Amino acid sequence: MANVSLEGMSAEQITDLAILAKAQLDNPVTRPHFLQNSKVVNPESSIPEIDIPMRVNKMLQSGKEMIDKQATEIANMRLERDIERRREVLMKKHGLSENDVSEVEKLMLEKQIASHDTAAEFYNSQKQSARPSPSMFSPNAMPKINLKESGMPNMSQWARNEAGKTLDEFRGRIRVS
């Protein structure tokens, strides 16, 4: 206990202090504060009303920390299992390898894509080369000329007839099959 001396105090002052202390101990509102302050002044003193709840709170806190740690570990395990399941579904559904799945997840982060399926479709579309568009003129567009069978005596006459057929086709008059 701290070095407290009542020397130099009158009997009346000592009695007033005792009455004040007793009043605080007897009042249910001030009792916990008075006991806590007494523990501050003399930390070695044994005050069960203060000591027991402190010990219980320490034990409860350590138990709560352990439970929180285990809950976090369980949540992480579930998250990892869910991610593995999604990866397996991606590999089966989109025909991807493990390396491809890693690239898909990288795309998800870079392009901020939330869905694994959307990212896999985007990844597959990037891997595919563009399909060649059909050319406007195929090499077989020009007919072979056989002047003997066509009965045309010269090439100029045949060319004029073919040009006329083509112009009529463009104008929509005749459909050439």
C-alpha atoms as a PDB file:
ATOM      1  CA  MET A   1       0.000   0.000   0.000  1.00  0.00           C
ATOM      2  CA  ALA A   2       1.168   3.468  -0.742  1.00  0.00           C
ATOM      3  CA  ASN A   3       2.656   5.345   2.142  1.00  0.00           C
ATOM      4  CA  VAL A   4      -0.426   7.131   3.491  1.00  0.00           C
ATOM      5  CA  SER A   5      -0.279   8.854   6.821  1.00  0.00           C
ATOM      6  CA  LEU A   6      -3.105  10.184   8.906  1.00  0.00           C
ATOM      7  CA  GLU A   7      -0.744  12.134  11.147  1.00  0.00           C
ATOM      8  CA  GLY A   8      -1.610  15.760  11.534  1.00  0.00           C
ATOM      9  CA  MET A   9      -5.310  15.077  10.942  1.00  0.00           C
ATOM     10  CA  SER A  10      -7.855  15.625  13.645  1.00  0.00           C
ATOM     11  CA  ALA A  11     -10.032  12.829  14.917  1.00  0.00           C
ATOM     12  CA  GLU A  12     -12.981  14.593  13.327  1.00  0.00           C
ATOM     13  CA  GLN A  13     -11.260  14.626   9.872  1.00  0.00           C
ATOM     14  CA  ILE A  14     -10.374  10.946  10.194  1.00  0.00           C
ATOM     15  CA  THR A  15     -13.985  10.172  11.142  1.00  0.00           C
ATOM     16  CA  ASP A  16     -15.256  12.169   8.119  1.00  0.00           C
ATOM     17  CA  LEU A  17     -12.938  10.174   5.812  1.00  0.00           C
ATOM     18  CA  ALA A  18     -14.157   6.902   7.301  1.00  0.00           C
ATOM     19  CA  ILE A  19     -17.795   7.948   6.873  1.00  0.00           C
ATOM     20  CA  LEU A  20     -17.117   8.989   3.248  1.00  0.00           C
ATOM     21  CA  ALA A  21     -15.373   5.673   2.480  1.00  0.00           C
ATOM     22  CA  LYS A  22     -18.173   3.708   4.134  1.00  0.00           C
ATOM     23  CA  ALA A  23     -20.819   5.661   2.195  1.00  0.00           C
ATOM     24  CA  GLN A  24     -19.074   4.907  -1.094  1.00  0.00           C
ATOM     25  CA  LEU A  25     -18.723   1.214  -0.232  1.00  0.00           C
ATOM     26  CA  ASP A  26     -22.382   0.930   0.723  1.00  0.00           C
ATOM     27  CA  ASN A  27     -23.725   2.750  -2.361  1.00  0.00           C
ATOM     28  CA  PRO A  28     -24.224   0.227  -5.254  1.00  0.00           C
ATOM     29  CA  VAL A  29     -23.432   2.921  -7.855  1.00  0.00           C
ATOM     30  CA  THR A  30     -20.134   4.066  -6.339  1.00  0.00           C
ATOM     31  CA  ARG A  31     -18.940   0.713  -4.894  1.00  0.00           C
ATOM     32  CA  PRO A  32     -17.323  -0.651  -8.123  1.00  0.00           C
ATOM     33  CA  HIS A  33     -15.497   2.643  -8.717  1.00  0.00           C
ATOM     34  CA  PHE A  34     -14.320   2.816  -5.107  1.00  0.00           C
ATOM     35  CA  LEU A  35     -13.009  -0.757  -5.229  1.00  0.00           C
ATOM     36  CA  GLN A  36     -11.316  -0.133  -8.597  1.00  0.00           C
ATOM     37  CA  ASN A  37      -9.650   3.004  -7.241  1.00  0.00           C
ATOM     38  CA  SER A  38      -8.528   1.027  -4.178  1.00  0.00           C
ATOM     39  CA  LYS A  39      -6.936  -1.523  -6.531  1.00  0.00           C
ATOM     40  CA  VAL A  40      -5.117   1.304  -8.332  1.00  0.00           C
ATOM     41  CA  VAL A  41      -3.732   2.651  -5.059  1.00  0.00           C
ATOM     42  CA  ASN A  42      -2.728  -0.832  -3.848  1.00  0.00           C
ATOM     43  CA  PRO A  43      -2.401  -3.254  -6.809  1.00  0.00           C
ATOM     44  CA  GLU A  44      -1.336  -6.144  -4.565  1.00  0.00           C
ATOM     45  CA  SER A  45      -4.505  -6.050  -2.500  1.00  0.00           C
ATOM     46  CA  SER A  46      -6.990  -8.855  -2.991  1.00  0.00           C
ATOM     47  CA  ILE A  47     -10.422  -7.578  -3.931  1.00  0.00           C
ATOM     48  CA  PRO A  48     -12.491 -10.513  -5.239  1.00  0.00           C
ATOM     49  CA  GLU A  49     -15.165  -8.269  -6.757  1.00  0.00           C
ATOM     50  CA  ILE A  50     -12.463  -6.783  -9.021  1.00  0.00           C
ATOM     51  CA  ASP A  51     -10.010  -9.698  -9.358  1.00  0.00           C
ATOM     52  CA  ILE A  52     -12.457 -12.454 -10.367  1.00  0.00           C
ATOM     53  CA  PRO A  53     -14.146 -10.551 -13.234  1.00  0.00           C
ATOM     54  CA  MET A  54     -10.715  -9.482 -14.532  1.00  0.00           C
ATOM     55  CA  ARG A  55      -9.499 -13.111 -14.585  1.00  0.00           C
ATOM     56  CA  VAL A  56     -12.708 -14.322 -16.192  1.00  0.00           C
ATOM     57  CA  ASN A  57     -12.538 -11.567 -18.835  1.00  0.00           C
ATOM     58  CA  LYS A  58      -8.939 -12.515 -19.657  1.00  0.00           C
ATOM     59  CA  MET A  59      -9.920 -16.152 -20.088  1.00  0.00           C
ATOM     60  CA  LEU A  60     -12.946 -15.228 -22.178  1.00  0.00           C
ATOM     61  CA  GLN A  61     -10.841 -12.911 -24.330  1.00  0.00           C
ATOM     62  CA  SER A  62      -8.264 -15.625 -25.038  1.00  0.00           C
ATOM     63  CA  GLY A  63     -11.088 -18.066 -25.851  1.00  0.00           C
ATOM     64  CA  LYS A  64     -12.714 -15.523 -28.150  1.00  0.00           C
ATOM     65  CA  GLU A  65      -9.401 -14.910 -29.921  1.00  0.00           C
ATOM     66  CA  MET A  66      -8.967 -18.651 -30.441  1.00  0.00           C
ATOM     67  CA  ILE A  67     -12.521 -18.988 -31.804  1.00  0.00           C
ATOM     68  CA  ASP A  68     -12.025 -15.990 -34.121  1.00  0.00           C
ATOM     69  CA  LYS A  69      -8.759 -17.488 -35.386  1.00  0.00           C
ATOM     70  CA  GLN A  70     -10.431 -20.819 -36.102  1.00  0.00           C
ATOM     71  CA  ALA A  71     -13.384 -19.117 -37.794  1.00  0.00           C
ATOM     72  CA  THR A  72     -10.972 -17.221 -40.037  1.00  0.00           C
ATOM     73  CA  GLU A  73      -9.120 -20.430 -40.906  1.00  0.00           C
ATOM     74  CA  ILE A  74     -12.399 -22.192 -41.739  1.00  0.00           C
ATOM     75  CA  ALA A  75     -13.534 -19.273 -43.909  1.00  0.00           C
ATOM     76  CA  ASN A  76     -10.190 -19.322 -45.746  1.00  0.00           C
ATOM     77  CA  MET A  77     -10.433 -23.084 -46.303  1.00  0.00           C
ATOM     78  CA  ARG A  78     -13.959 -22.700 -47.690  1.00  0.00           C
ATOM     79  CA  LEU A  79     -12.812 -19.889 -49.963  1.00  0.00           C
ATOM     80  CA  GLU A  80      -9.881 -21.950 -51.259  1.00  0.00           C
ATOM     81  CA  ARG A  81     -12.168 -24.962 -51.830  1.00  0.00           C
ATOM     82  CA  ASP A  82     -14.651 -22.747 -53.705  1.00  0.00           C
ATOM     83  CA  ILE A  83     -11.879 -21.313 -55.885  1.00  0.00           C
ATOM     84  CA  GLU A  84     -10.578 -24.827 -56.670  1.00  0.00           C
ATOM     85  CA  ARG A  85     -14.104 -25.958 -57.592  1.00  0.00           C
ATOM     86  CA  ARG A  86     -14.524 -22.953 -59.896  1.00  0.00           C
ATOM     87  CA  ARG A  87     -11.182 -23.710 -61.527  1.00  0.00           C
ATOM     88  CA  GLU A  88     -12.224 -27.323 -62.164  1.00  0.00           C
ATOM     89  CA  VAL A  89     -15.530 -26.194 -63.667  1.00  0.00           C
ATOM     90  CA  LEU A  90     -13.658 -23.722 -65.906  1.00  0.00           C
ATOM     91  CA  MET A  91     -11.269 -26.404 -67.124  1.00  0.00           C
ATOM     92  CA  LYS A  92     -14.127 -28.796 -67.941  1.00  0.00           C
ATOM     93  CA  LYS A  93     -16.571 -26.254 -69.369  1.00  0.00           C
ATOM     94  CA  HIS A  94     -14.140 -24.230 -71.476  1.00  0.00           C
ATOM     95  CA  GLY A  95     -11.455 -26.862 -72.127  1.00  0.00           C
ATOM     96  CA  LEU A  96      -8.718 -24.922 -70.344  1.00  0.00           C
ATOM     97  CA  SER A  97      -5.470 -26.147 -68.817  1.00  0.00           C
ATOM     98  CA  GLU A  98      -4.202 -25.123 -65.369  1.00  0.00           C
ATOM     99  CA  ASN A  99      -1.948 -22.528 -67.018  1.00  0.00           C
ATOM    100  CA  ASP A 100      -4.925 -21.175 -68.958  1.00  0.00           C
ATOM    101  CA  VAL A 101      -6.935 -20.879 -65.735  1.00  0.00           C
ATOM    102  CA  SER A 102      -4.089 -18.851 -64.210  1.00  0.00           C
ATOM    103  CA  GLU A 103      -4.183 -16.553 -67.247  1.00  0.00           C
ATOM    104  CA  VAL A 104      -7.981 -16.237 -66.928  1.00  0.00           C
ATOM    105  CA  GLU A 105      -7.632 -15.213 -63.280  1.00  0.00           C
ATOM    106  CA  LYS A 106      -4.952 -12.722 -64.253  1.00  0.00           C
ATOM    107  CA  LEU A 107      -7.365 -11.276 -66.838  1.00  0.00           C
ATOM    108  CA  MET A 108     -10.062 -11.048 -64.167  1.00  0.00           C
ATOM    109  CA  LEU A 109      -7.796  -8.833 -62.079  1.00  0.00           C
ATOM    110  CA  GLU A 110      -6.455  -6.731 -64.937  1.00  0.00           C
ATOM    111  CA  LYS A 111      -9.780  -6.158 -66.715  1.00  0.00           C
ATOM    112  CA  GLN A 112     -11.884  -6.161 -63.524  1.00  0.00           C
ATOM    113  CA  ILE A 113     -14.066  -9.033 -64.708  1.00  0.00           C
ATOM    114  CA  ALA A 114     -16.132 -10.498 -61.867  1.00  0.00           C
ATOM    115  CA  SER A 115     -17.304 -13.712 -63.535  1.00  0.00           C
ATOM    116  CA  HIS A 116     -14.996 -16.664 -64.188  1.00  0.00           C
ATOM    117  CA  ASP A 117     -17.118 -17.704 -67.195  1.00  0.00           C
ATOM    118  CA  THR A 118     -17.016 -14.258 -68.778  1.00  0.00           C
ATOM    119  CA  ALA A 119     -13.256 -14.062 -68.258  1.00  0.00           C
ATOM    120  CA  ALA A 120     -12.797 -17.550 -69.785  1.00  0.00           C
ATOM    121  CA  GLU A 121     -14.863 -16.582 -72.836  1.00  0.00           C
ATOM    122  CA  PHE A 122     -12.839 -13.393 -73.214  1.00  0.00           C
ATOM    123  CA  TYR A 123      -9.592 -15.358 -72.869  1.00  0.00           C
ATOM    124  CA  ASN A 124     -10.677 -17.924 -75.486  1.00  0.00           C
ATOM    125  CA  SER A 125     -11.751 -15.169 -77.871  1.00  0.00           C
ATOM    126  CA  GLN A 126      -8.327 -13.548 -77.520  1.00  0.00           C
ATOM    127  CA  LYS A 127      -6.586 -16.832 -78.293  1.00  0.00           C
ATOM    128  CA  GLN A 128      -8.552 -17.519 -81.472  1.00  0.00           C
ATOM    129  CA  SER A 129      -7.293 -15.987 -84.647  1.00  0.00           C
ATOM    130  CA  ALA A 130      -9.819 -14.035 -86.660  1.00  0.00           C
ATOM    131  CA  ARG A 131     -11.726 -15.998 -89.252  1.00  0.00           C
ATOM    132  CA  PRO A 132     -10.884 -14.845 -92.743  1.00  0.00           C
ATOM    133  CA  SER A 133     -13.691 -12.936 -94.351  1.00  0.00           C
ATOM    134  CA  PRO A 134     -14.835 -14.206 -97.719  1.00  0.00           C
ATOM    135  CA  SER A 135     -13.322 -12.252-100.555  1.00  0.00           C
ATOM    136  CA  MET A 136     -15.657 -10.323-102.804  1.00  0.00           C
ATOM    137  CA  PHE A 137     -14.378 -11.953-105.911  1.00  0.00           C
ATOM    138  CA  SER A 138     -13.704 -15.617-105.979  1.00  0.00           C
ATOM    139  CA  PRO A 139     -11.216 -16.925-108.503  1.00  0.00           C
ATOM    140  CA  ASN A 140     -13.981 -18.834-110.263  1.00  0.00           C
ATOM    141  CA  ALA A 141     -16.086 -15.705-110.835  1.00  0.00           C
ATOM    142  CA  MET A 142     -14.879 -15.319-114.392  1.00  0.00           C
ATOM    143  CA  PRO A 143     -16.506 -17.838-116.685  1.00  0.00           C
ATOM    144  CA  LYS A 144     -14.362 -19.821-119.039  1.00  0.00           C
ATOM    145  CA  ILE A 145     -14.885 -18.797-122.599  1.00  0.00           C
ATOM    146  CA  ASN A 146     -15.469 -21.408-125.201  1.00  0.00           C
ATOM    147  CA  LEU A 147     -16.111 -19.530-128.418  1.00  0.00           C
ATOM    148  CA  LYS A 148     -16.728 -22.677-130.410  1.00  0.00           C
ATOM    149  CA  GLU A 149     -19.645 -23.806-128.211  1.00  0.00           C
ATOM    150  CA  SER A 150     -21.118 -20.324-127.735  1.00  0.00           C
ATOM    151  CA  GLY A 151     -21.479 -19.793-131.437  1.00  0.00           C
ATOM    152  CA  MET A 152     -20.067 -16.285-131.221  1.00  0.00           C
ATOM    153  CA  PRO A 153     -17.683 -15.424-133.982  1.00  0.00           C
ATOM    154  CA  ASN A 154     -15.645 -12.969-131.982  1.00  0.00           C
ATOM    155  CA  MET A 155     -14.639 -12.178-128.446  1.00  0.00           C
ATOM    156  CA  SER A 156     -16.014  -8.621-128.414  1.00  0.00           C
ATOM    157  CA  GLN A 157     -19.569  -9.762-129.047  1.00  0.00           C
ATOM    158  CA  TRP A 158     -19.372 -12.344-126.252  1.00  0.00           C
ATOM    159  CA  ALA A 159     -17.983  -9.746-123.806  1.00  0.00           C
ATOM    160  CA  ARG A 160     -20.825  -7.330-124.613  1.00  0.00           C
ATOM    161  CA  ASN A 161     -23.435 -10.026-123.957  1.00  0.00           C
ATOM    162  CA  GLU A 162     -21.834 -10.986-120.607  1.00  0.00           C
ATOM    163  CA  ALA A 163     -21.592  -7.325-119.558  1.00  0.00           C
ATOM    164  CA  GLY A 164     -25.286  -6.852-120.369  1.00  0.00           C
ATOM    165  CA  LYS A 165     -26.236  -9.905-118.291  1.00  0.00           C
ATOM    166  CA  THR A 166     -24.204  -8.592-115.371  1.00  0.00           C
ATOM    167  CA  LEU A 167     -25.758  -5.114-115.578  1.00  0.00           C
ATOM    168  CA  ASP A 168     -29.232  -6.627-115.687  1.00  0.00           C
ATOM    169  CA  GLU A 169     -28.386  -8.724-112.613  1.00  0.00           C
ATOM    170  CA  PHE A 170     -27.217  -5.609-110.722  1.00  0.00           C
ATOM    171  CA  ARG A 171     -30.373  -3.765-111.677  1.00  0.00           C
ATOM    172  CA  GLY A 172     -32.426  -6.735-110.429  1.00  0.00           C
ATOM    173  CA  ARG A 173     -34.132  -7.536-113.690  1.00  0.00           C
ATOM    174  CA  ILE A 174     -32.834 -11.027-114.125  1.00  0.00           C
ATOM    175  CA  ARG A 175     -31.541 -13.436-111.517  1.00  0.00           C
ATOM    176  CA  VAL A 176     -28.685 -15.493-112.865  1.00  0.00           C
ATOM    177  CA  SER A 177     -28.312 -18.860-111.285  1.00  0.00           C
END
